[in-house]
Amino acid sequence: TQNDVRQIQLGKAALYAGIRLLMDRMHVEDIERIRLAGAF
């Protein structure tokens, strides 16, 4: 549903925003390696 899409957008936007904050604080524009942990 449209609401399903919106819920995923909200979740992924919160995650990306948190990552972007750390990148800003470290003055980093490029990430060279990403590791996704956990069952998900």
PDB file of all heavy atoms in Angstrom:
ATOM      1  N   THR A   1       0.830  -1.202   0.000  1.00  0.00           N
ATOM      2  CA  THR A   1       0.000   0.000   0.000  1.00  0.00           C
ATOM      3  C   THR A   1       0.865   1.252   0.000  1.00  0.00           C
ATOM      4  O   THR A   1       2.073   1.207   0.260  1.00  0.00           O
ATOM      5  CB  THR A   1      -0.910   0.022   1.230  1.00  0.00           C
ATOM      6  OG1 THR A   1      -0.093   0.209   2.406  1.00  0.00           O
ATOM      7  CG2 THR A   1      -1.685  -1.280   1.370  1.00  0.00           C
ATOM      8  N   GLN A   2       0.212   2.372  -0.267  1.00  0.00           N
ATOM      9  CA  GLN A   2       0.932   3.637  -0.206  1.00  0.00           C
ATOM     10  C   GLN A   2       1.497   3.880   1.199  1.00  0.00           C
ATOM     11  O   GLN A   2       2.610   4.378   1.371  1.00  0.00           O
ATOM     12  CB  GLN A   2       0.004   4.788  -0.598  1.00  0.00           C
ATOM     13  CG  GLN A   2       0.679   6.146  -0.655  1.00  0.00           C
ATOM     14  CD  GLN A   2       1.743   6.225  -1.742  1.00  0.00           C
ATOM     15  OE1 GLN A   2       1.429   6.261  -2.917  1.00  0.00           O
ATOM     16  NE2 GLN A   2       3.007   6.255  -1.342  1.00  0.00           N
ATOM     17  N   ASN A   3       0.739   3.471   2.208  1.00  0.00           N
ATOM     18  CA  ASN A   3       1.218   3.644   3.581  1.00  0.00           C
ATOM     19  C   ASN A   3       2.428   2.754   3.870  1.00  0.00           C
ATOM     20  O   ASN A   3       3.331   3.144   4.617  1.00  0.00           O
ATOM     21  CB  ASN A   3       0.105   3.335   4.578  1.00  0.00           C
ATOM     22  CG  ASN A   3       0.541   3.614   6.008  1.00  0.00           C
ATOM     23  OD1 ASN A   3       0.837   4.754   6.376  1.00  0.00           O
ATOM     24  ND2 ASN A   3       0.598   2.569   6.817  1.00  0.00           N
ATOM     25  N   ASP A   4       2.458   1.546   3.261  1.00  0.00           N
ATOM     26  CA  ASP A   4       3.625   0.676   3.433  1.00  0.00           C
ATOM     27  C   ASP A   4       4.885   1.372   2.914  1.00  0.00           C
ATOM     28  O   ASP A   4       5.938   1.346   3.562  1.00  0.00           O
ATOM     29  CB  ASP A   4       3.437  -0.644   2.685  1.00  0.00           C
ATOM     30  CG  ASP A   4       2.313  -1.490   3.251  1.00  0.00           C
ATOM     31  OD1 ASP A   4       1.953  -1.289   4.425  1.00  0.00           O
ATOM     32  OD2 ASP A   4       1.809  -2.359   2.511  1.00  0.00           O
ATOM     33  N   VAL A   5       4.763   1.962   1.733  1.00  0.00           N
ATOM     34  CA  VAL A   5       5.901   2.675   1.148  1.00  0.00           C
ATOM     35  C   VAL A   5       6.328   3.810   2.071  1.00  0.00           C
ATOM     36  O   VAL A   5       7.524   4.009   2.338  1.00  0.00           O
ATOM     37  CB  VAL A   5       5.550   3.227  -0.250  1.00  0.00           C
ATOM     38  CG1 VAL A   5       6.727   4.015  -0.825  1.00  0.00           C
ATOM     39  CG2 VAL A   5       5.155   2.099  -1.196  1.00  0.00           C
ATOM     40  N   ARG A   6       5.339   4.533   2.587  1.00  0.00           N
ATOM     41  CA  ARG A   6       5.657   5.666   3.447  1.00  0.00           C
ATOM     42  C   ARG A   6       6.359   5.214   4.727  1.00  0.00           C
ATOM     43  O   ARG A   6       7.303   5.858   5.196  1.00  0.00           O
ATOM     44  CB  ARG A   6       4.386   6.441   3.785  1.00  0.00           C
ATOM     45  CG  ARG A   6       4.610   7.748   4.502  1.00  0.00           C
ATOM     46  CD  ARG A   6       5.405   8.760   3.681  1.00  0.00           C
ATOM     47  NE  ARG A   6       4.617   9.360   2.638  1.00  0.00           N
ATOM     48  CZ  ARG A   6       4.988   9.379   1.359  1.00  0.00           C
ATOM     49  NH1 ARG A   6       6.130   8.830   0.980  1.00  0.00           N
ATOM     50  NH2 ARG A   6       4.243   9.966   0.446  1.00  0.00           N
ATOM     51  N   GLN A   7       5.924   4.108   5.316  1.00  0.00           N
ATOM     52  CA  GLN A   7       6.564   3.618   6.544  1.00  0.00           C
ATOM     53  C   GLN A   7       8.033   3.267   6.304  1.00  0.00           C
ATOM     54  O   GLN A   7       8.897   3.560   7.125  1.00  0.00           O
ATOM     55  CB  GLN A   7       5.820   2.387   7.079  1.00  0.00           C
ATOM     56  CG  GLN A   7       4.427   2.663   7.624  1.00  0.00           C
ATOM     57  CD  GLN A   7       4.444   3.648   8.784  1.00  0.00           C
ATOM     58  OE1 GLN A   7       5.342   3.636   9.614  1.00  0.00           O
ATOM     59  NE2 GLN A   7       3.434   4.506   8.826  1.00  0.00           N
ATOM     60  N   ILE A   8       8.300   2.639   5.174  1.00  0.00           N
ATOM     61  CA  ILE A   8       9.694   2.311   4.853  1.00  0.00           C
ATOM     62  C   ILE A   8      10.495   3.578   4.583  1.00  0.00           C
ATOM     63  O   ILE A   8      11.664   3.688   4.992  1.00  0.00           O
ATOM     64  CB  ILE A   8       9.758   1.353   3.642  1.00  0.00           C
ATOM     65  CG1 ILE A   8       9.156  -0.002   4.020  1.00  0.00           C
ATOM     66  CG2 ILE A   8      11.186   1.190   3.155  1.00  0.00           C
ATOM     67  CD1 ILE A   8       9.891  -0.735   5.128  1.00  0.00           C
ATOM     68  N   GLN A   9       9.880   4.553   3.914  1.00  0.00           N
ATOM     69  CA  GLN A   9      10.578   5.820   3.690  1.00  0.00           C
ATOM     70  C   GLN A   9      10.945   6.493   5.015  1.00  0.00           C
ATOM     71  O   GLN A   9      12.050   7.018   5.169  1.00  0.00           O
ATOM     72  CB  GLN A   9       9.708   6.770   2.863  1.00  0.00           C
ATOM     73  CG  GLN A   9       9.623   6.419   1.385  1.00  0.00           C
ATOM     74  CD  GLN A   9       8.735   7.392   0.638  1.00  0.00           C
ATOM     75  OE1 GLN A   9       7.510   7.255   0.663  1.00  0.00           O
ATOM     76  NE2 GLN A   9       9.349   8.386   0.010  1.00  0.00           N
ATOM     77  N   LEU A  10      10.019   6.478   5.961  1.00  0.00           N
ATOM     78  CA  LEU A  10      10.292   7.092   7.259  1.00  0.00           C
ATOM     79  C   LEU A  10      11.458   6.402   7.958  1.00  0.00           C
ATOM     80  O   LEU A  10      12.335   7.050   8.529  1.00  0.00           O
ATOM     81  CB  LEU A  10       9.038   7.027   8.138  1.00  0.00           C
ATOM     82  CG  LEU A  10       7.868   7.921   7.723  1.00  0.00           C
ATOM     83  CD1 LEU A  10       6.595   7.508   8.453  1.00  0.00           C
ATOM     84  CD2 LEU A  10       8.185   9.383   8.000  1.00  0.00           C
ATOM     85  N   GLY A  11      11.447   5.078   7.917  1.00  0.00           N
ATOM     86  CA  GLY A  11      12.520   4.326   8.569  1.00  0.00           C
ATOM     87  C   GLY A  11      13.859   4.541   7.908  1.00  0.00           C
ATOM     88  O   GLY A  11      14.882   4.776   8.581  1.00  0.00           O
ATOM     89  N   LYS A  12      13.876   4.474   6.586  1.00  0.00           N
ATOM     90  CA  LYS A  12      15.162   4.599   5.883  1.00  0.00           C
ATOM     91  C   LYS A  12      15.681   6.034   5.947  1.00  0.00           C
ATOM     92  O   LYS A  12      16.894   6.264   5.999  1.00  0.00           O
ATOM     93  CB  LYS A  12      15.027   4.097   4.447  1.00  0.00           C
ATOM     94  CG  LYS A  12      14.293   5.003   3.472  1.00  0.00           C
ATOM     95  CD  LYS A  12      15.277   5.806   2.624  1.00  0.00           C
ATOM     96  CE  LYS A  12      14.566   6.632   1.565  1.00  0.00           C
ATOM     97  NZ  LYS A  12      15.521   7.426   0.753  1.00  0.00           N
ATOM     98  N   ALA A  13      14.782   7.006   5.984  1.00  0.00           N
ATOM     99  CA  ALA A  13      15.209   8.399   6.095  1.00  0.00           C
ATOM    100  C   ALA A  13      15.842   8.664   7.456  1.00  0.00           C
ATOM    101  O   ALA A  13      16.839   9.389   7.565  1.00  0.00           O
ATOM    102  CB  ALA A  13      14.032   9.339   5.869  1.00  0.00           C
ATOM    103  N   ALA A  14      15.271   8.075   8.508  1.00  0.00           N
ATOM    104  CA  ALA A  14      15.843   8.244   9.842  1.00  0.00           C
ATOM    105  C   ALA A  14      17.241   7.638   9.904  1.00  0.00           C
ATOM    106  O   ALA A  14      18.167   8.225  10.487  1.00  0.00           O
ATOM    107  CB  ALA A  14      14.934   7.596  10.886  1.00  0.00           C
ATOM    108  N   LEU A  15      17.415   6.461   9.293  1.00  0.00           N
ATOM    109  CA  LEU A  15      18.723   5.815   9.295  1.00  0.00           C
ATOM    110  C   LEU A  15      19.734   6.653   8.515  1.00  0.00           C
ATOM    111  O   LEU A  15      20.847   6.920   8.993  1.00  0.00           O
ATOM    112  CB  LEU A  15      18.607   4.412   8.693  1.00  0.00           C
ATOM    113  CG  LEU A  15      19.921   3.641   8.525  1.00  0.00           C
ATOM    114  CD1 LEU A  15      20.649   3.509   9.858  1.00  0.00           C
ATOM    115  CD2 LEU A  15      19.659   2.266   7.919  1.00  0.00           C
ATOM    116  N   TYR A  16      19.363   7.063   7.311  1.00  0.00           N
ATOM    117  CA  TYR A  16      20.287   7.844   6.481  1.00  0.00           C
ATOM    118  C   TYR A  16      20.654   9.156   7.170  1.00  0.00           C
ATOM    119  O   TYR A  16      21.811   9.586   7.142  1.00  0.00           O
ATOM    120  CB  TYR A  16      19.656   8.118   5.114  1.00  0.00           C
ATOM    121  CG  TYR A  16      20.623   8.712   4.103  1.00  0.00           C
ATOM    122  CD1 TYR A  16      21.235   7.909   3.158  1.00  0.00           C
ATOM    123  CD2 TYR A  16      20.934  10.075   4.115  1.00  0.00           C
ATOM    124  CE1 TYR A  16      22.136   8.447   2.234  1.00  0.00           C
ATOM    125  CE2 TYR A  16      21.828  10.620   3.214  1.00  0.00           C
ATOM    126  CZ  TYR A  16      22.422   9.803   2.270  1.00  0.00           C
ATOM    127  OH  TYR A  16      23.323  10.339   1.372  1.00  0.00           O
ATOM    128  N   ALA A  17      19.666   9.796   7.800  1.00  0.00           N
ATOM    129  CA  ALA A  17      19.928  11.074   8.466  1.00  0.00           C
ATOM    130  C   ALA A  17      20.930  10.900   9.599  1.00  0.00           C
ATOM    131  O   ALA A  17      21.810  11.751   9.806  1.00  0.00           O
ATOM    132  CB  ALA A  17      18.620  11.668   8.996  1.00  0.00           C
ATOM    133  N   GLY A  18      20.811   9.808  10.347  1.00  0.00           N
ATOM    134  CA  GLY A  18      21.774   9.537  11.409  1.00  0.00           C
ATOM    135  C   GLY A  18      23.166   9.341  10.854  1.00  0.00           C
ATOM    136  O   GLY A  18      24.160   9.864  11.399  1.00  0.00           O
ATOM    137  N   ILE A  19      23.271   8.598   9.764  1.00  0.00           N
ATOM    138  CA  ILE A  19      24.578   8.380   9.128  1.00  0.00           C
ATOM    139  C   ILE A  19      25.154   9.704   8.631  1.00  0.00           C
ATOM    140  O   ILE A  19      26.337  10.003   8.813  1.00  0.00           O
ATOM    141  CB  ILE A  19      24.444   7.373   7.966  1.00  0.00           C
ATOM    142  CG1 ILE A  19      24.009   5.995   8.486  1.00  0.00           C
ATOM    143  CG2 ILE A  19      25.757   7.276   7.193  1.00  0.00           C
ATOM    144  CD1 ILE A  19      23.617   5.023   7.393  1.00  0.00           C
ATOM    145  N   ARG A  20      24.291  10.505   7.998  1.00  0.00           N
ATOM    146  CA  ARG A  20      24.742  11.779   7.434  1.00  0.00           C
ATOM    147  C   ARG A  20      25.246  12.728   8.521  1.00  0.00           C
ATOM    148  O   ARG A  20      26.218  13.474   8.322  1.00  0.00           O
ATOM    149  CB  ARG A  20      23.595  12.416   6.655  1.00  0.00           C
ATOM    150  CG  ARG A  20      23.946  13.647   5.862  1.00  0.00           C
ATOM    151  CD  ARG A  20      24.906  13.340   4.743  1.00  0.00           C
ATOM    152  NE  ARG A  20      26.134  14.124   4.872  1.00  0.00           N
ATOM    153  CZ  ARG A  20      27.100  14.152   3.966  1.00  0.00           C
ATOM    154  NH1 ARG A  20      26.994  13.425   2.865  1.00  0.00           N
ATOM    155  NH2 ARG A  20      28.171  14.869   4.150  1.00  0.00           N
ATOM    156  N   LEU A  21      24.602  12.686   9.696  1.00  0.00           N
ATOM    157  CA  LEU A  21      25.065  13.516  10.811  1.00  0.00           C
ATOM    158  C   LEU A  21      26.495  13.164  11.201  1.00  0.00           C
ATOM    159  O   LEU A  21      27.325  14.043  11.434  1.00  0.00           O
ATOM    160  CB  LEU A  21      24.150  13.330  12.024  1.00  0.00           C
ATOM    161  CG  LEU A  21      22.895  14.200  12.105  1.00  0.00           C
ATOM    162  CD1 LEU A  21      22.119  13.862  13.366  1.00  0.00           C
ATOM    163  CD2 LEU A  21      23.250  15.680  12.080  1.00  0.00           C
ATOM    164  N   LEU A  22      26.778  11.862  11.284  1.00  0.00           N
ATOM    165  CA  LEU A  22      28.137  11.436  11.620  1.00  0.00           C
ATOM    166  C   LEU A  22      29.118  11.864  10.536  1.00  0.00           C
ATOM    167  O   LEU A  22      30.245  12.285  10.836  1.00  0.00           O
ATOM    168  CB  LEU A  22      28.195   9.922  11.819  1.00  0.00           C
ATOM    169  CG  LEU A  22      27.374   9.337  12.978  1.00  0.00           C
ATOM    170  CD1 LEU A  22      27.687   7.851  13.142  1.00  0.00           C
ATOM    171  CD2 LEU A  22      27.640  10.077  14.275  1.00  0.00           C
ATOM    172  N   MET A  23      28.707  11.753   9.274  1.00  0.00           N
ATOM    173  CA  MET A  23      29.580  12.175   8.177  1.00  0.00           C
ATOM    174  C   MET A  23      29.874  13.670   8.274  1.00  0.00           C
ATOM    175  O   MET A  23      31.010  14.113   8.052  1.00  0.00           O
ATOM    176  CB  MET A  23      28.942  11.826   6.829  1.00  0.00           C
ATOM    177  CG  MET A  23      28.819  10.328   6.579  1.00  0.00           C
ATOM    178  SD  MET A  23      27.894   9.912   5.072  1.00  0.00           S
ATOM    179  CE  MET A  23      29.032  10.493   3.797  1.00  0.00           C
ATOM    180  N   ASP A  24      28.848  14.460   8.614  1.00  0.00           N
ATOM    181  CA  ASP A  24      29.054  15.903   8.776  1.00  0.00           C
ATOM    182  C   ASP A  24      30.046  16.189   9.892  1.00  0.00           C
ATOM    183  O   ASP A  24      30.960  17.008   9.742  1.00  0.00           O
ATOM    184  CB  ASP A  24      27.725  16.594   9.097  1.00  0.00           C
ATOM    185  CG  ASP A  24      26.779  16.625   7.914  1.00  0.00           C
ATOM    186  OD1 ASP A  24      27.221  16.301   6.792  1.00  0.00           O
ATOM    187  OD2 ASP A  24      25.592  16.947   8.118  1.00  0.00           O
ATOM    188  N   ARG A  25      29.855  15.520  11.028  1.00  0.00           N
ATOM    189  CA  ARG A  25      30.710  15.778  12.188  1.00  0.00           C
ATOM    190  C   ARG A  25      32.160  15.389  11.911  1.00  0.00           C
ATOM    191  O   ARG A  25      33.083  15.985  12.463  1.00  0.00           O
ATOM    192  CB  ARG A  25      30.179  14.995  13.395  1.00  0.00           C
ATOM    193  CG  ARG A  25      28.857  15.511  13.941  1.00  0.00           C
ATOM    194  CD  ARG A  25      29.037  16.799  14.729  1.00  0.00           C
ATOM    195  NE  ARG A  25      29.701  16.557  16.001  1.00  0.00           N
ATOM    196  CZ  ARG A  25      29.061  16.304  17.142  1.00  0.00           C
ATOM    197  NH1 ARG A  25      27.725  16.260  17.157  1.00  0.00           N
ATOM    198  NH2 ARG A  25      29.732  16.096  18.262  1.00  0.00           N
ATOM    199  N   MET A  26      32.354  14.387  11.052  1.00  0.00           N
ATOM    200  CA  MET A  26      33.706  13.936  10.737  1.00  0.00           C
ATOM    201  C   MET A  26      34.246  14.583   9.465  1.00  0.00           C
ATOM    202  O   MET A  26      35.366  14.286   9.044  1.00  0.00           O
ATOM    203  CB  MET A  26      33.737  12.407  10.598  1.00  0.00           C
ATOM    204  CG  MET A  26      33.403  11.685  11.883  1.00  0.00           C
ATOM    205  SD  MET A  26      33.642   9.897  11.784  1.00  0.00           S
ATOM    206  CE  MET A  26      35.425   9.811  11.803  1.00  0.00           C
ATOM    207  N   HIS A  27      33.429  15.469   8.833  1.00  0.00           N
ATOM    208  CA  HIS A  27      33.816  16.150   7.591  1.00  0.00           C
ATOM    209  C   HIS A  27      34.176  15.126   6.514  1.00  0.00           C
ATOM    210  O   HIS A  27      35.201  15.233   5.832  1.00  0.00           O
ATOM    211  CB  HIS A  27      34.994  17.103   7.843  1.00  0.00           C
ATOM    212  CG  HIS A  27      34.744  18.083   8.950  1.00  0.00           C
ATOM    213  ND1 HIS A  27      33.853  19.125   8.832  1.00  0.00           N
ATOM    214  CD2 HIS A  27      35.266  18.153  10.216  1.00  0.00           C
ATOM    215  CE1 HIS A  27      33.836  19.809   9.970  1.00  0.00           C
ATOM    216  NE2 HIS A  27      34.672  19.240  10.825  1.00  0.00           N
ATOM    217  N   VAL A  28      33.297  14.158   6.351  1.00  0.00           N
ATOM    218  CA  VAL A  28      33.505  13.066   5.402  1.00  0.00           C
ATOM    219  C   VAL A  28      32.415  13.115   4.337  1.00  0.00           C
ATOM    220  O   VAL A  28      31.227  13.274   4.653  1.00  0.00           O
ATOM    221  CB  VAL A  28      33.455  11.705   6.135  1.00  0.00           C
ATOM    222  CG1 VAL A  28      33.362  10.560   5.147  1.00  0.00           C
ATOM    223  CG2 VAL A  28      34.674  11.543   7.025  1.00  0.00           C
ATOM    224  N   GLU A  29      32.799  12.977   3.080  1.00  0.00           N
ATOM    225  CA  GLU A  29      31.827  12.926   1.988  1.00  0.00           C
ATOM    226  C   GLU A  29      31.732  11.542   1.368  1.00  0.00           C
ATOM    227  O   GLU A  29      30.728  11.206   0.743  1.00  0.00           O
ATOM    228  CB  GLU A  29      32.184  13.947   0.907  1.00  0.00           C
ATOM    229  CG  GLU A  29      31.939  15.390   1.317  1.00  0.00           C
ATOM    230  CD  GLU A  29      30.475  15.656   1.663  1.00  0.00           C
ATOM    231  OE1 GLU A  29      29.579  15.070   1.015  1.00  0.00           O
ATOM    232  OE2 GLU A  29      30.229  16.441   2.597  1.00  0.00           O
ATOM    233  N   ASP A  30      32.773  10.735   1.520  1.00  0.00           N
ATOM    234  CA  ASP A  30      32.793   9.412   0.903  1.00  0.00           C
ATOM    235  C   ASP A  30      33.058   8.339   1.948  1.00  0.00           C
ATOM    236  O   ASP A  30      33.933   8.494   2.813  1.00  0.00           O
ATOM    237  CB  ASP A  30      33.873   9.329  -0.180  1.00  0.00           C
ATOM    238  CG  ASP A  30      33.613  10.310  -1.319  1.00  0.00           C
ATOM    239  OD1 ASP A  30      32.507  10.268  -1.873  1.00  0.00           O
ATOM    240  OD2 ASP A  30      34.515  11.110  -1.615  1.00  0.00           O
ATOM    241  N   ILE A  31      32.306   7.257   1.834  1.00  0.00           N
ATOM    242  CA  ILE A  31      32.510   6.100   2.703  1.00  0.00           C
ATOM    243  C   ILE A  31      33.087   4.984   1.846  1.00  0.00           C
ATOM    244  O   ILE A  31      32.581   4.680   0.764  1.00  0.00           O
ATOM    245  CB  ILE A  31      31.188   5.669   3.364  1.00  0.00           C
ATOM    246  CG1 ILE A  31      30.721   6.766   4.329  1.00  0.00           C
ATOM    247  CG2 ILE A  31      31.346   4.346   4.100  1.00  0.00           C
ATOM    248  CD1 ILE A  31      29.379   6.509   4.950  1.00  0.00           C
ATOM    249  N   GLU A  32      34.152   4.371   2.347  1.00  0.00           N
ATOM    250  CA  GLU A  32      34.867   3.379   1.544  1.00  0.00           C
ATOM    251  C   GLU A  32      34.423   1.947   1.816  1.00  0.00           C
ATOM    252  O   GLU A  32      34.661   1.057   1.000  1.00  0.00           O
ATOM    253  CB  GLU A  32      36.369   3.498   1.814  1.00  0.00           C
ATOM    254  CG  GLU A  32      36.940   4.847   1.405  1.00  0.00           C
ATOM    255  CD  GLU A  32      38.295   5.107   2.007  1.00  0.00           C
ATOM    256  OE1 GLU A  32      38.373   5.532   3.174  1.00  0.00           O
ATOM    257  OE2 GLU A  32      39.300   4.879   1.294  1.00  0.00           O
ATOM    258  N   ARG A  33      33.788   1.720   2.946  1.00  0.00           N
ATOM    259  CA  ARG A  33      33.426   0.346   3.315  1.00  0.00           C
ATOM    260  C   ARG A  33      32.186   0.390   4.205  1.00  0.00           C
ATOM    261  O   ARG A  33      32.118   1.173   5.150  1.00  0.00           O
ATOM    262  CB  ARG A  33      34.597  -0.310   4.059  1.00  0.00           C
ATOM    263  CG  ARG A  33      34.372  -1.721   4.551  1.00  0.00           C
ATOM    264  CD  ARG A  33      35.686  -2.266   5.115  1.00  0.00           C
ATOM    265  NE  ARG A  33      35.521  -3.593   5.697  1.00  0.00           N
ATOM    266  CZ  ARG A  33      35.310  -3.817   6.997  1.00  0.00           C
ATOM    267  NH1 ARG A  33      35.245  -2.799   7.846  1.00  0.00           N
ATOM    268  NH2 ARG A  33      35.177  -5.041   7.454  1.00  0.00           N
ATOM    269  N   ILE A  34      31.188  -0.452   3.883  1.00  0.00           N
ATOM    270  CA  ILE A  34      29.958  -0.515   4.679  1.00  0.00           C
ATOM    271  C   ILE A  34      29.702  -1.959   5.079  1.00  0.00           C
ATOM    272  O   ILE A  34      29.757  -2.863   4.239  1.00  0.00           O
ATOM    273  CB  ILE A  34      28.735   0.032   3.897  1.00  0.00           C
ATOM    274  CG1 ILE A  34      28.958   1.494   3.502  1.00  0.00           C
ATOM    275  CG2 ILE A  34      27.465  -0.106   4.730  1.00  0.00           C
ATOM    276  CD1 ILE A  34      27.838   2.090   2.676  1.00  0.00           C
ATOM    277  N   ARG A  35      29.428  -2.166   6.355  1.00  0.00           N
ATOM    278  CA  ARG A  35      29.102  -3.496   6.868  1.00  0.00           C
ATOM    279  C   ARG A  35      27.747  -3.421   7.570  1.00  0.00           C
ATOM    280  O   ARG A  35      27.532  -2.602   8.467  1.00  0.00           O
ATOM    281  CB  ARG A  35      30.175  -3.963   7.840  1.00  0.00           C
ATOM    282  CG  ARG A  35      31.538  -4.133   7.207  1.00  0.00           C
ATOM    283  CD  ARG A  35      31.649  -5.429   6.442  1.00  0.00           C
ATOM    284  NE  ARG A  35      31.875  -6.544   7.349  1.00  0.00           N
ATOM    285  CZ  ARG A  35      31.830  -7.817   6.970  1.00  0.00           C
ATOM    286  NH1 ARG A  35      31.539  -8.131   5.716  1.00  0.00           N
ATOM    287  NH2 ARG A  35      32.066  -8.786   7.832  1.00  0.00           N
ATOM    288  N   LEU A  36      26.825  -4.283   7.147  1.00  0.00           N
ATOM    289  CA  LEU A  36      25.482  -4.335   7.715  1.00  0.00           C
ATOM    290  C   LEU A  36      25.399  -5.513   8.668  1.00  0.00           C
ATOM    291  O   LEU A  36      25.555  -6.669   8.262  1.00  0.00           O
ATOM    292  CB  LEU A  36      24.432  -4.469   6.601  1.00  0.00           C
ATOM    293  CG  LEU A  36      24.443  -3.342   5.556  1.00  0.00           C
ATOM    294  CD1 LEU A  36      23.431  -3.630   4.461  1.00  0.00           C
ATOM    295  CD2 LEU A  36      24.158  -2.001   6.202  1.00  0.00           C
ATOM    296  N   ALA A  37      25.160  -5.228   9.919  1.00  0.00           N
ATOM    297  CA  ALA A  37      25.177  -6.260  10.950  1.00  0.00           C
ATOM    298  C   ALA A  37      23.767  -6.686  11.323  1.00  0.00           C
ATOM    299  O   ALA A  37      22.783  -6.033  10.975  1.00  0.00           O
ATOM    300  CB  ALA A  37      25.919  -5.746  12.192  1.00  0.00           C
ATOM    301  N   GLY A  38      23.679  -7.791  12.065  1.00  0.00           N
ATOM    302  CA  GLY A  38      22.402  -8.267  12.573  1.00  0.00           C
ATOM    303  C   GLY A  38      21.676  -9.149  11.582  1.00  0.00           C
ATOM    304  O   GLY A  38      22.088  -9.319  10.426  1.00  0.00           O
ATOM    305  N   ALA A  39      20.565  -9.712  12.046  1.00  0.00           N
ATOM    306  CA  ALA A  39      19.790 -10.623  11.211  1.00  0.00           C
ATOM    307  C   ALA A  39      19.271  -9.922   9.967  1.00  0.00           C
ATOM    308  O   ALA A  39      19.280 -10.477   8.869  1.00  0.00           O
ATOM    309  CB  ALA A  39      18.632 -11.205  12.017  1.00  0.00           C
ATOM    310  N   PHE A  40      18.840  -8.664  10.106  1.00  0.00           N
ATOM    311  CA  PHE A  40      18.331  -7.912   8.960  1.00  0.00           C
ATOM    312  C   PHE A  40      19.440  -7.698   7.935  1.00  0.00           C
ATOM    313  O   PHE A  40      19.273  -7.958   6.746  1.00  0.00           O
ATOM    314  CB  PHE A  40      17.769  -6.578   9.439  1.00  0.00           C
ATOM    315  CG  PHE A  40      17.195  -5.729   8.335  1.00  0.00           C
ATOM    316  CD1 PHE A  40      15.941  -5.995   7.833  1.00  0.00           C
ATOM    317  CD2 PHE A  40      17.919  -4.679   7.801  1.00  0.00           C
ATOM    318  CE1 PHE A  40      15.410  -5.218   6.807  1.00  0.00           C
ATOM    319  CE2 PHE A  40      17.402  -3.902   6.783  1.00  0.00           C
ATOM    320  CZ  PHE A  40      16.135  -4.170   6.287  1.00  0.00           C
TER     321      PHE A  40
END
